[in-house]
Amino acid sequence: MSMADPVPTMPTAEMAMRRLRLDDDLLLDVQDAIPQAHAEAQAYLDGVLYGTEDERASAGDDKGVICTPDIIQAQLLLVDAAVGGNTVKDADAKREAAVKILRRHRNQGA
């Protein structure tokens, strides 16, 4: 196995602010929402997110999931649902979209 550089398993606040085009006054809310979105994604996936296959193998975690750009996007949708200026319907739609993305990876390592 090669030791590939690990990829992030959750978005950064800077990434979220830029991609979601949120106002600077929401930065603290975004910083709080990111770990919550990460935990929600891992709970749905029923596994820990890892940056590389080597990290997962080192942890001996057969149920672990390798993080991909679409999983980061799902987490960003969850952040946006939590802090963006959404109606209830819009927030629900973003959560549903995140679940659709995550569903493709659910129990992938099991």
PDB file of N, CA and C in Angstrom:
ATOM      1  N   MET A   1       0.834  -1.179   0.000  1.00  0.00           N
ATOM      2  CA  MET A   1       0.000   0.000   0.000  1.00  0.00           C
ATOM      3  C   MET A   1       0.878   1.242   0.000  1.00  0.00           C
ATOM      4  N   SER A   2       0.457   2.239  -0.748  1.00  0.00           N
ATOM      5  CA  SER A   2       1.197   3.490  -0.754  1.00  0.00           C
ATOM      6  C   SER A   2       0.609   4.423   0.288  1.00  0.00           C
ATOM      7  N   MET A   3       1.438   5.286   0.797  1.00  0.00           N
ATOM      8  CA  MET A   3       0.987   6.258   1.784  1.00  0.00           C
ATOM      9  C   MET A   3       0.565   7.534   1.070  1.00  0.00           C
ATOM     10  N   ALA A   4      -0.641   7.553   0.550  1.00  0.00           N
ATOM     11  CA  ALA A   4      -1.173   8.734  -0.123  1.00  0.00           C
ATOM     12  C   ALA A   4      -1.455   9.818   0.908  1.00  0.00           C
ATOM     13  N   ASP A   5      -1.389  11.052   0.454  1.00  0.00           N
ATOM     14  CA  ASP A   5      -1.711  12.154   1.346  1.00  0.00           C
ATOM     15  C   ASP A   5      -3.178  12.056   1.736  1.00  0.00           C
ATOM     16  N   PRO A   6      -3.456  12.181   3.035  1.00  0.00           N
ATOM     17  CA  PRO A   6      -4.853  12.103   3.449  1.00  0.00           C
ATOM     18  C   PRO A   6      -5.645  13.297   2.916  1.00  0.00           C
ATOM     19  N   VAL A   7      -6.872  13.047   2.581  1.00  0.00           N
ATOM     20  CA  VAL A   7      -7.755  14.124   2.166  1.00  0.00           C
ATOM     21  C   VAL A   7      -8.612  14.512   3.362  1.00  0.00           C
ATOM     22  N   PRO A   8      -9.092  15.739   3.380  1.00  0.00           N
ATOM     23  CA  PRO A   8      -9.927  16.135   4.523  1.00  0.00           C
ATOM     24  C   PRO A   8     -11.197  15.291   4.579  1.00  0.00           C
ATOM     25  N   THR A   9     -11.648  15.017   5.775  1.00  0.00           N
ATOM     26  CA  THR A   9     -12.871  14.241   5.938  1.00  0.00           C
ATOM     27  C   THR A   9     -14.057  15.120   6.299  1.00  0.00           C
ATOM     28  N   MET A  10     -13.801  16.409   6.450  1.00  0.00           N
ATOM     29  CA  MET A  10     -14.886  17.365   6.656  1.00  0.00           C
ATOM     30  C   MET A  10     -14.472  18.699   6.062  1.00  0.00           C
ATOM     31  N   PRO A  11     -15.448  19.487   5.647  1.00  0.00           N
ATOM     32  CA  PRO A  11     -15.108  20.774   5.056  1.00  0.00           C
ATOM     33  C   PRO A  11     -14.538  21.724   6.100  1.00  0.00           C
ATOM     34  N   THR A  12     -13.737  22.654   5.643  1.00  0.00           N
ATOM     35  CA  THR A  12     -13.244  23.707   6.525  1.00  0.00           C
ATOM     36  C   THR A  12     -14.265  24.840   6.540  1.00  0.00           C
ATOM     37  N   ALA A  13     -14.143  25.711   7.524  1.00  0.00           N
ATOM     38  CA  ALA A  13     -15.035  26.865   7.590  1.00  0.00           C
ATOM     39  C   ALA A  13     -14.846  27.753   6.362  1.00  0.00           C
ATOM     40  N   GLU A  14     -13.602  27.913   5.944  1.00  0.00           N
ATOM     41  CA  GLU A  14     -13.329  28.746   4.775  1.00  0.00           C
ATOM     42  C   GLU A  14     -13.982  28.164   3.528  1.00  0.00           C
ATOM     43  N   MET A  15     -13.878  26.847   3.375  1.00  0.00           N
ATOM     44  CA  MET A  15     -14.496  26.171   2.236  1.00  0.00           C
ATOM     45  C   MET A  15     -16.012  26.368   2.266  1.00  0.00           C
ATOM     46  N   ALA A  16     -16.598  26.184   3.425  1.00  0.00           N
ATOM     47  CA  ALA A  16     -18.047  26.325   3.551  1.00  0.00           C
ATOM     48  C   ALA A  16     -18.492  27.749   3.244  1.00  0.00           C
ATOM     49  N   MET A  17     -17.797  28.720   3.769  1.00  0.00           N
ATOM     50  CA  MET A  17     -18.168  30.109   3.538  1.00  0.00           C
ATOM     51  C   MET A  17     -18.098  30.447   2.048  1.00  0.00           C
ATOM     52  N   ARG A  18     -17.043  29.977   1.397  1.00  0.00           N
ATOM     53  CA  ARG A  18     -16.843  30.282  -0.019  1.00  0.00           C
ATOM     54  C   ARG A  18     -17.861  29.534  -0.894  1.00  0.00           C
ATOM     55  N   ARG A  19     -17.979  28.225  -0.704  1.00  0.00           N
ATOM     56  CA  ARG A  19     -18.859  27.426  -1.567  1.00  0.00           C
ATOM     57  C   ARG A  19     -20.332  27.736  -1.353  1.00  0.00           C
ATOM     58  N   LEU A  20     -20.685  28.023  -0.113  1.00  0.00           N
ATOM     59  CA  LEU A  20     -22.094  28.289   0.190  1.00  0.00           C
ATOM     60  C   LEU A  20     -22.441  29.770   0.059  1.00  0.00           C
ATOM     61  N   ARG A  21     -21.422  30.580  -0.172  1.00  0.00           N
ATOM     62  CA  ARG A  21     -21.598  32.028  -0.347  1.00  0.00           C
ATOM     63  C   ARG A  21     -22.379  32.634   0.815  1.00  0.00           C
ATOM     64  N   LEU A  22     -21.907  32.322   2.015  1.00  0.00           N
ATOM     65  CA  LEU A  22     -22.563  32.808   3.211  1.00  0.00           C
ATOM     66  C   LEU A  22     -21.935  34.127   3.656  1.00  0.00           C
ATOM     67  N   ASP A  23     -22.720  34.928   4.339  1.00  0.00           N
ATOM     68  CA  ASP A  23     -22.231  36.195   4.863  1.00  0.00           C
ATOM     69  C   ASP A  23     -21.223  35.946   5.976  1.00  0.00           C
ATOM     70  N   ASP A  24     -20.247  36.838   6.084  1.00  0.00           N
ATOM     71  CA  ASP A  24     -19.192  36.706   7.089  1.00  0.00           C
ATOM     72  C   ASP A  24     -19.738  36.637   8.511  1.00  0.00           C
ATOM     73  N   ASP A  25     -20.889  37.242   8.761  1.00  0.00           N
ATOM     74  CA  ASP A  25     -21.438  37.214  10.114  1.00  0.00           C
ATOM     75  C   ASP A  25     -21.925  35.822  10.524  1.00  0.00           C
ATOM     76  N   LEU A  26     -21.940  34.876   9.590  1.00  0.00           N
ATOM     77  CA  LEU A  26     -22.344  33.502   9.910  1.00  0.00           C
ATOM     78  C   LEU A  26     -21.158  32.581  10.194  1.00  0.00           C
ATOM     79  N   LEU A  27     -19.948  33.124  10.199  1.00  0.00           N
ATOM     80  CA  LEU A  27     -18.750  32.296  10.369  1.00  0.00           C
ATOM     81  C   LEU A  27     -18.793  31.445  11.640  1.00  0.00           C
ATOM     82  N   LEU A  28     -19.153  32.030  12.766  1.00  0.00           N
ATOM     83  CA  LEU A  28     -19.192  31.248  14.015  1.00  0.00           C
ATOM     84  C   LEU A  28     -20.237  30.140  13.944  1.00  0.00           C
ATOM     85  N   ASP A  29     -21.372  30.449  13.335  1.00  0.00           N
ATOM     86  CA  ASP A  29     -22.409  29.421  13.168  1.00  0.00           C
ATOM     87  C   ASP A  29     -21.909  28.289  12.268  1.00  0.00           C
ATOM     88  N   VAL A  30     -21.189  28.648  11.210  1.00  0.00           N
ATOM     89  CA  VAL A  30     -20.629  27.648  10.299  1.00  0.00           C
ATOM     90  C   VAL A  30     -19.614  26.783  11.031  1.00  0.00           C
ATOM     91  N   GLN A  31     -18.763  27.412  11.831  1.00  0.00           N
ATOM     92  CA  GLN A  31     -17.759  26.655  12.588  1.00  0.00           C
ATOM     93  C   GLN A  31     -18.419  25.667  13.537  1.00  0.00           C
ATOM     94  N   ASP A  32     -19.546  26.031  14.110  1.00  0.00           N
ATOM     95  CA  ASP A  32     -20.283  25.116  14.991  1.00  0.00           C
ATOM     96  C   ASP A  32     -20.997  24.025  14.198  1.00  0.00           C
ATOM     97  N   ALA A  33     -21.488  24.365  13.007  1.00  0.00           N
ATOM     98  CA  ALA A  33     -22.282  23.425  12.218  1.00  0.00           C
ATOM     99  C   ALA A  33     -21.435  22.353  11.537  1.00  0.00           C
ATOM    100  N   ILE A  34     -20.181  22.646  11.239  1.00  0.00           N
ATOM    101  CA  ILE A  34     -19.347  21.677  10.516  1.00  0.00           C
ATOM    102  C   ILE A  34     -19.173  20.371  11.279  1.00  0.00           C
ATOM    103  N   PRO A  35     -18.759  20.398  12.557  1.00  0.00           N
ATOM    104  CA  PRO A  35     -18.641  19.107  13.260  1.00  0.00           C
ATOM    105  C   PRO A  35     -19.980  18.377  13.396  1.00  0.00           C
ATOM    106  N   GLN A  36     -21.063  19.122  13.501  1.00  0.00           N
ATOM    107  CA  GLN A  36     -22.383  18.504  13.571  1.00  0.00           C
ATOM    108  C   GLN A  36     -22.724  17.814  12.259  1.00  0.00           C
ATOM    109  N   ALA A  37     -22.432  18.479  11.141  1.00  0.00           N
ATOM    110  CA  ALA A  37     -22.687  17.883   9.827  1.00  0.00           C
ATOM    111  C   ALA A  37     -21.809  16.654   9.622  1.00  0.00           C
ATOM    112  N   HIS A  38     -20.569  16.730  10.071  1.00  0.00           N
ATOM    113  CA  HIS A  38     -19.644  15.602   9.961  1.00  0.00           C
ATOM    114  C   HIS A  38     -20.164  14.401  10.757  1.00  0.00           C
ATOM    115  N   ALA A  39     -20.602  14.669  11.982  1.00  0.00           N
ATOM    116  CA  ALA A  39     -21.141  13.596  12.821  1.00  0.00           C
ATOM    117  C   ALA A  39     -22.420  13.017  12.221  1.00  0.00           C
ATOM    118  N   GLU A  40     -23.255  13.867  11.659  1.00  0.00           N
ATOM    119  CA  GLU A  40     -24.491  13.388  11.035  1.00  0.00           C
ATOM    120  C   GLU A  40     -24.184  12.509   9.826  1.00  0.00           C
ATOM    121  N   ALA A  41     -23.196  12.916   9.043  1.00  0.00           N
ATOM    122  CA  ALA A  41     -22.799  12.118   7.872  1.00  0.00           C
ATOM    123  C   ALA A  41     -22.259  10.758   8.307  1.00  0.00           C
ATOM    124  N   GLN A  42     -21.395  10.746   9.315  1.00  0.00           N
ATOM    125  CA  GLN A  42     -20.835   9.476   9.790  1.00  0.00           C
ATOM    126  C   GLN A  42     -21.927   8.585  10.370  1.00  0.00           C
ATOM    127  N   ALA A  43     -22.881   9.175  11.075  1.00  0.00           N
ATOM    128  CA  ALA A  43     -23.975   8.384  11.642  1.00  0.00           C
ATOM    129  C   ALA A  43     -24.802   7.759  10.523  1.00  0.00           C
ATOM    130  N   TYR A  44     -25.081   8.526   9.488  1.00  0.00           N
ATOM    131  CA  TYR A  44     -25.855   7.967   8.377  1.00  0.00           C
ATOM    132  C   TYR A  44     -25.056   6.885   7.649  1.00  0.00           C
ATOM    133  N   LEU A  45     -23.769   7.136   7.463  1.00  0.00           N
ATOM    134  CA  LEU A  45     -22.921   6.170   6.767  1.00  0.00           C
ATOM    135  C   LEU A  45     -22.667   4.917   7.599  1.00  0.00           C
ATOM    136  N   ASP A  46     -22.910   5.015   8.901  1.00  0.00           N
ATOM    137  CA  ASP A  46     -22.653   3.923   9.830  1.00  0.00           C
ATOM    138  C   ASP A  46     -21.184   3.515   9.787  1.00  0.00           C
ATOM    139  N   GLY A  47     -20.331   4.535   9.743  1.00  0.00           N
ATOM    140  CA  GLY A  47     -18.898   4.289   9.734  1.00  0.00           C
ATOM    141  C   GLY A  47     -18.119   5.579   9.842  1.00  0.00           C
ATOM    142  N   VAL A  48     -16.894   5.453  10.274  1.00  0.00           N
ATOM    143  CA  VAL A  48     -15.996   6.599  10.406  1.00  0.00           C
ATOM    144  C   VAL A  48     -15.472   6.974   9.023  1.00  0.00           C
ATOM    145  N   LEU A  49     -15.307   8.279   8.794  1.00  0.00           N
ATOM    146  CA  LEU A  49     -14.721   8.755   7.542  1.00  0.00           C
ATOM    147  C   LEU A  49     -13.205   8.810   7.670  1.00  0.00           C
ATOM    148  N   TYR A  50     -12.535   8.308   6.648  1.00  0.00           N
ATOM    149  CA  TYR A  50     -11.071   8.335   6.591  1.00  0.00           C
ATOM    150  C   TYR A  50     -10.629   9.043   5.323  1.00  0.00           C
ATOM    151  N   GLY A  51      -9.453   9.667   5.393  1.00  0.00           N
ATOM    152  CA  GLY A  51      -8.913  10.389   4.253  1.00  0.00           C
ATOM    153  C   GLY A  51      -8.314   9.488   3.192  1.00  0.00           C
ATOM    154  N   THR A  52      -7.799   8.344   3.597  1.00  0.00           N
ATOM    155  CA  THR A  52      -7.186   7.415   2.643  1.00  0.00           C
ATOM    156  C   THR A  52      -7.483   5.976   3.066  1.00  0.00           C
ATOM    157  N   GLU A  53      -7.285   5.085   2.130  1.00  0.00           N
ATOM    158  CA  GLU A  53      -7.423   3.657   2.422  1.00  0.00           C
ATOM    159  C   GLU A  53      -6.386   3.238   3.448  1.00  0.00           C
ATOM    160  N   ASP A  54      -5.181   3.811   3.380  1.00  0.00           N
ATOM    161  CA  ASP A  54      -4.128   3.485   4.346  1.00  0.00           C
ATOM    162  C   ASP A  54      -4.548   3.840   5.769  1.00  0.00           C
ATOM    163  N   GLU A  55      -5.195   5.002   5.940  1.00  0.00           N
ATOM    164  CA  GLU A  55      -5.677   5.389   7.272  1.00  0.00           C
ATOM    165  C   GLU A  55      -6.706   4.386   7.790  1.00  0.00           C
ATOM    166  N   ARG A  56      -7.611   4.000   6.920  1.00  0.00           N
ATOM    167  CA  ARG A  56      -8.656   3.038   7.312  1.00  0.00           C
ATOM    168  C   ARG A  56      -8.033   1.702   7.682  1.00  0.00           C
ATOM    169  N   ALA A  57      -7.080   1.249   6.866  1.00  0.00           N
ATOM    170  CA  ALA A  57      -6.421  -0.033   7.134  1.00  0.00           C
ATOM    171  C   ALA A  57      -5.622   0.035   8.435  1.00  0.00           C
ATOM    172  N   SER A  58      -4.949   1.150   8.664  1.00  0.00           N
ATOM    173  CA  SER A  58      -4.171   1.310   9.904  1.00  0.00           C
ATOM    174  C   SER A  58      -5.060   1.272  11.130  1.00  0.00           C
ATOM    175  N   ALA A  59      -6.268   1.780  10.984  1.00  0.00           N
ATOM    176  CA  ALA A  59      -7.218   1.769  12.094  1.00  0.00           C
ATOM    177  C   ALA A  59      -7.882   0.406  12.253  1.00  0.00           C
ATOM    178  N   GLY A  60      -7.703  -0.472  11.259  1.00  0.00           N
ATOM    179  CA  GLY A  60      -8.344  -1.788  11.312  1.00  0.00           C
ATOM    180  C   GLY A  60      -9.856  -1.686  11.278  1.00  0.00           C
ATOM    181  N   ASP A  61     -10.361  -0.704  10.554  1.00  0.00           N
ATOM    182  CA  ASP A  61     -11.791  -0.414  10.538  1.00  0.00           C
ATOM    183  C   ASP A  61     -12.411  -0.888   9.228  1.00  0.00           C
ATOM    184  N   ASP A  62     -13.010  -2.061   9.248  1.00  0.00           N
ATOM    185  CA  ASP A  62     -13.630  -2.613   8.046  1.00  0.00           C
ATOM    186  C   ASP A  62     -14.884  -1.854   7.614  1.00  0.00           C
ATOM    187  N   LYS A  63     -15.523  -1.156   8.548  1.00  0.00           N
ATOM    188  CA  LYS A  63     -16.738  -0.413   8.223  1.00  0.00           C
ATOM    189  C   LYS A  63     -16.445   1.036   7.851  1.00  0.00           C
ATOM    190  N   GLY A  64     -15.196   1.457   7.970  1.00  0.00           N
ATOM    191  CA  GLY A  64     -14.839   2.835   7.655  1.00  0.00           C
ATOM    192  C   GLY A  64     -15.094   3.171   6.195  1.00  0.00           C
ATOM    193  N   VAL A  65     -15.323   4.440   5.928  1.00  0.00           N
ATOM    194  CA  VAL A  65     -15.630   4.919   4.584  1.00  0.00           C
ATOM    195  C   VAL A  65     -14.551   5.922   4.175  1.00  0.00           C
ATOM    196  N   ILE A  66     -14.039   5.761   2.967  1.00  0.00           N
ATOM    197  CA  ILE A  66     -13.061   6.704   2.446  1.00  0.00           C
ATOM    198  C   ILE A  66     -13.816   7.945   1.974  1.00  0.00           C
ATOM    199  N   CYS A  67     -13.403   9.091   2.464  1.00  0.00           N
ATOM    200  CA  CYS A  67     -14.076  10.334   2.123  1.00  0.00           C
ATOM    201  C   CYS A  67     -13.781  10.717   0.676  1.00  0.00           C
ATOM    202  N   THR A  68     -14.816  11.126  -0.010  1.00  0.00           N
ATOM    203  CA  THR A  68     -14.724  11.541  -1.403  1.00  0.00           C
ATOM    204  C   THR A  68     -15.296  12.956  -1.524  1.00  0.00           C
ATOM    205  N   PRO A  69     -15.029  13.632  -2.631  1.00  0.00           N
ATOM    206  CA  PRO A  69     -15.561  14.992  -2.785  1.00  0.00           C
ATOM    207  C   PRO A  69     -17.081  15.081  -2.644  1.00  0.00           C
ATOM    208  N   ASP A  70     -17.796  14.057  -3.069  1.00  0.00           N
ATOM    209  CA  ASP A  70     -19.253  14.130  -2.928  1.00  0.00           C
ATOM    210  C   ASP A  70     -19.699  14.002  -1.472  1.00  0.00           C
ATOM    211  N   ILE A  71     -18.933  13.310  -0.659  1.00  0.00           N
ATOM    212  CA  ILE A  71     -19.250  13.245   0.775  1.00  0.00           C
ATOM    213  C   ILE A  71     -19.011  14.609   1.419  1.00  0.00           C
ATOM    214  N   ILE A  72     -17.961  15.299   0.993  1.00  0.00           N
ATOM    215  CA  ILE A  72     -17.730  16.674   1.469  1.00  0.00           C
ATOM    216  C   ILE A  72     -18.904  17.550   1.045  1.00  0.00           C
ATOM    217  N   GLN A  73     -19.361  17.390  -0.196  1.00  0.00           N
ATOM    218  CA  GLN A  73     -20.503  18.176  -0.687  1.00  0.00           C
ATOM    219  C   GLN A  73     -21.750  17.896   0.149  1.00  0.00           C
ATOM    220  N   ALA A  74     -21.966  16.644   0.510  1.00  0.00           N
ATOM    221  CA  ALA A  74     -23.116  16.307   1.352  1.00  0.00           C
ATOM    222  C   ALA A  74     -23.014  17.017   2.704  1.00  0.00           C
ATOM    223  N   GLN A  75     -21.818  17.043   3.266  1.00  0.00           N
ATOM    224  CA  GLN A  75     -21.629  17.739   4.535  1.00  0.00           C
ATOM    225  C   GLN A  75     -21.880  19.235   4.378  1.00  0.00           C
ATOM    226  N   LEU A  76     -21.465  19.800   3.250  1.00  0.00           N
ATOM    227  CA  LEU A  76     -21.725  21.217   3.004  1.00  0.00           C
ATOM    228  C   LEU A  76     -23.229  21.485   2.899  1.00  0.00           C
ATOM    229  N   LEU A  77     -23.954  20.578   2.278  1.00  0.00           N
ATOM    230  CA  LEU A  77     -25.411  20.721   2.229  1.00  0.00           C
ATOM    231  C   LEU A  77     -26.022  20.694   3.628  1.00  0.00           C
ATOM    232  N   LEU A  78     -25.497  19.829   4.476  1.00  0.00           N
ATOM    233  CA  LEU A  78     -25.993  19.765   5.858  1.00  0.00           C
ATOM    234  C   LEU A  78     -25.667  21.043   6.620  1.00  0.00           C
ATOM    235  N   VAL A  79     -24.490  21.599   6.381  1.00  0.00           N
ATOM    236  CA  VAL A  79     -24.119  22.882   7.003  1.00  0.00           C
ATOM    237  C   VAL A  79     -25.066  23.966   6.513  1.00  0.00           C
ATOM    238  N   ASP A  80     -25.287  24.011   5.206  1.00  0.00           N
ATOM    239  CA  ASP A  80     -26.159  25.034   4.631  1.00  0.00           C
ATOM    240  C   ASP A  80     -27.582  24.907   5.163  1.00  0.00           C
ATOM    241  N   ALA A  81     -28.049  23.685   5.324  1.00  0.00           N
ATOM    242  CA  ALA A  81     -29.393  23.481   5.881  1.00  0.00           C
ATOM    243  C   ALA A  81     -29.489  24.025   7.301  1.00  0.00           C
ATOM    244  N   ALA A  82     -28.373  23.946   8.026  1.00  0.00           N
ATOM    245  CA  ALA A  82     -28.372  24.374   9.422  1.00  0.00           C
ATOM    246  C   ALA A  82     -28.222  25.886   9.586  1.00  0.00           C
ATOM    247  N   VAL A  83     -27.427  26.531   8.739  1.00  0.00           N
ATOM    248  CA  VAL A  83     -27.122  27.943   8.978  1.00  0.00           C
ATOM    249  C   VAL A  83     -27.547  28.890   7.867  1.00  0.00           C
ATOM    250  N   GLY A  84     -27.849  28.364   6.706  1.00  0.00           N
ATOM    251  CA  GLY A  84     -28.239  29.240   5.599  1.00  0.00           C
ATOM    252  C   GLY A  84     -29.607  29.847   5.844  1.00  0.00           C
ATOM    253  N   GLY A  85     -29.903  30.893   5.101  1.00  0.00           N
ATOM    254  CA  GLY A  85     -31.208  31.529   5.208  1.00  0.00           C
ATOM    255  C   GLY A  85     -32.239  30.719   4.454  1.00  0.00           C
ATOM    256  N   ASN A  86     -32.688  29.634   5.048  1.00  0.00           N
ATOM    257  CA  ASN A  86     -33.582  28.686   4.393  1.00  0.00           C
ATOM    258  C   ASN A  86     -34.982  28.741   4.976  1.00  0.00           C
ATOM    259  N   THR A  87     -35.943  28.428   4.127  1.00  0.00           N
ATOM    260  CA  THR A  87     -37.261  28.101   4.649  1.00  0.00           C
ATOM    261  C   THR A  87     -37.152  26.664   5.164  1.00  0.00           C
ATOM    262  N   VAL A  88     -38.134  26.217   5.894  1.00  0.00           N
ATOM    263  CA  VAL A  88     -38.136  24.837   6.372  1.00  0.00           C
ATOM    264  C   VAL A  88     -38.100  23.880   5.180  1.00  0.00           C
ATOM    265  N   LYS A  89     -38.855  24.209   4.139  1.00  0.00           N
ATOM    266  CA  LYS A  89     -38.898  23.373   2.945  1.00  0.00           C
ATOM    267  C   LYS A  89     -37.525  23.306   2.274  1.00  0.00           C
ATOM    268  N   ASP A  90     -36.831  24.451   2.177  1.00  0.00           N
ATOM    269  CA  ASP A  90     -35.495  24.474   1.571  1.00  0.00           C
ATOM    270  C   ASP A  90     -34.491  23.675   2.397  1.00  0.00           C
ATOM    271  N   ALA A  91     -34.528  23.829   3.712  1.00  0.00           N
ATOM    272  CA  ALA A  91     -33.617  23.082   4.582  1.00  0.00           C
ATOM    273  C   ALA A  91     -33.864  21.583   4.449  1.00  0.00           C
ATOM    274  N   ASP A  92     -35.130  21.195   4.403  1.00  0.00           N
ATOM    275  CA  ASP A  92     -35.462  19.769   4.232  1.00  0.00           C
ATOM    276  C   ASP A  92     -34.960  19.247   2.893  1.00  0.00           C
ATOM    277  N   ALA A  93     -35.098  20.051   1.847  1.00  0.00           N
ATOM    278  CA  ALA A  93     -34.637  19.636   0.522  1.00  0.00           C
ATOM    279  C   ALA A  93     -33.115  19.450   0.514  1.00  0.00           C
ATOM    280  N   LYS A  94     -32.388  20.309   1.215  1.00  0.00           N
ATOM    281  CA  LYS A  94     -30.932  20.182   1.277  1.00  0.00           C
ATOM    282  C   LYS A  94     -30.534  18.938   2.054  1.00  0.00           C
ATOM    283  N   ARG A  95     -31.237  18.663   3.129  1.00  0.00           N
ATOM    284  CA  ARG A  95     -30.961  17.442   3.896  1.00  0.00           C
ATOM    285  C   ARG A  95     -31.252  16.193   3.061  1.00  0.00           C
ATOM    286  N   GLU A  96     -32.349  16.203   2.323  1.00  0.00           N
ATOM    287  CA  GLU A  96     -32.679  15.072   1.454  1.00  0.00           C
ATOM    288  C   GLU A  96     -31.615  14.875   0.380  1.00  0.00           C
ATOM    289  N   ALA A  97     -31.125  15.965  -0.186  1.00  0.00           N
ATOM    290  CA  ALA A  97     -30.071  15.869  -1.197  1.00  0.00           C
ATOM    291  C   ALA A  97     -28.792  15.290  -0.587  1.00  0.00           C
ATOM    292  N   ALA A  98     -28.473  15.700   0.632  1.00  0.00           N
ATOM    293  CA  ALA A  98     -27.288  15.170   1.311  1.00  0.00           C
ATOM    294  C   ALA A  98     -27.430  13.668   1.544  1.00  0.00           C
ATOM    295  N   VAL A  99     -28.598  13.238   1.974  1.00  0.00           N
ATOM    296  CA  VAL A  99     -28.839  11.809   2.214  1.00  0.00           C
ATOM    297  C   VAL A  99     -28.713  11.012   0.918  1.00  0.00           C
ATOM    298  N   LYS A 100     -29.199  11.555  -0.182  1.00  0.00           N
ATOM    299  CA  LYS A 100     -29.071  10.862  -1.475  1.00  0.00           C
ATOM    300  C   LYS A 100     -27.609  10.659  -1.843  1.00  0.00           C
ATOM    301  N   ILE A 101     -26.795  11.665  -1.574  1.00  0.00           N
ATOM    302  CA  ILE A 101     -25.365  11.550  -1.851  1.00  0.00           C
ATOM    303  C   ILE A 101     -24.743  10.495  -0.938  1.00  0.00           C
ATOM    304  N   LEU A 102     -25.046  10.569   0.335  1.00  0.00           N
ATOM    305  CA  LEU A 102     -24.442   9.655   1.312  1.00  0.00           C
ATOM    306  C   LEU A 102     -24.906   8.216   1.115  1.00  0.00           C
ATOM    307  N   ARG A 103     -26.118   8.041   0.646  1.00  0.00           N
ATOM    308  CA  ARG A 103     -26.675   6.697   0.470  1.00  0.00           C
ATOM    309  C   ARG A 103     -25.767   5.827  -0.414  1.00  0.00           C
ATOM    310  N   ARG A 104     -25.140   6.443  -1.404  1.00  0.00           N
ATOM    311  CA  ARG A 104     -24.265   5.686  -2.309  1.00  0.00           C
ATOM    312  C   ARG A 104     -23.045   5.104  -1.598  1.00  0.00           C
ATOM    313  N   HIS A 105     -22.711   5.685  -0.453  1.00  0.00           N
ATOM    314  CA  HIS A 105     -21.513   5.255   0.277  1.00  0.00           C
ATOM    315  C   HIS A 105     -21.841   4.503   1.549  1.00  0.00           C
ATOM    316  N   ARG A 106     -23.102   4.407   1.887  1.00  0.00           N
ATOM    317  CA  ARG A 106     -23.513   3.806   3.164  1.00  0.00           C
ATOM    318  C   ARG A 106     -23.049   2.357   3.240  1.00  0.00           C
ATOM    319  N   ASN A 107     -22.410   2.028   4.359  1.00  0.00           N
ATOM    320  CA  ASN A 107     -21.934   0.683   4.636  1.00  0.00           C
ATOM    321  C   ASN A 107     -21.008   0.164   3.547  1.00  0.00           C
ATOM    322  N   GLN A 108     -20.388   1.049   2.837  1.00  0.00           N
ATOM    323  CA  GLN A 108     -19.493   0.677   1.744  1.00  0.00           C
ATOM    324  C   GLN A 108     -18.363  -0.210   2.231  1.00  0.00           C
ATOM    325  N   GLY A 109     -17.842   0.077   3.420  1.00  0.00           N
ATOM    326  CA  GLY A 109     -16.713  -0.692   3.939  1.00  0.00           C
ATOM    327  C   GLY A 109     -17.104  -1.964   4.661  1.00  0.00           C
ATOM    328  N   ALA A 110     -18.398  -2.180   4.860  1.00  0.00           N
ATOM    329  CA  ALA A 110     -18.846  -3.332   5.636  1.00  0.00           C
ATOM    330  C   ALA A 110     -18.802  -4.600   4.817  1.00  0.00           C
TER     331      ALA A 110
END
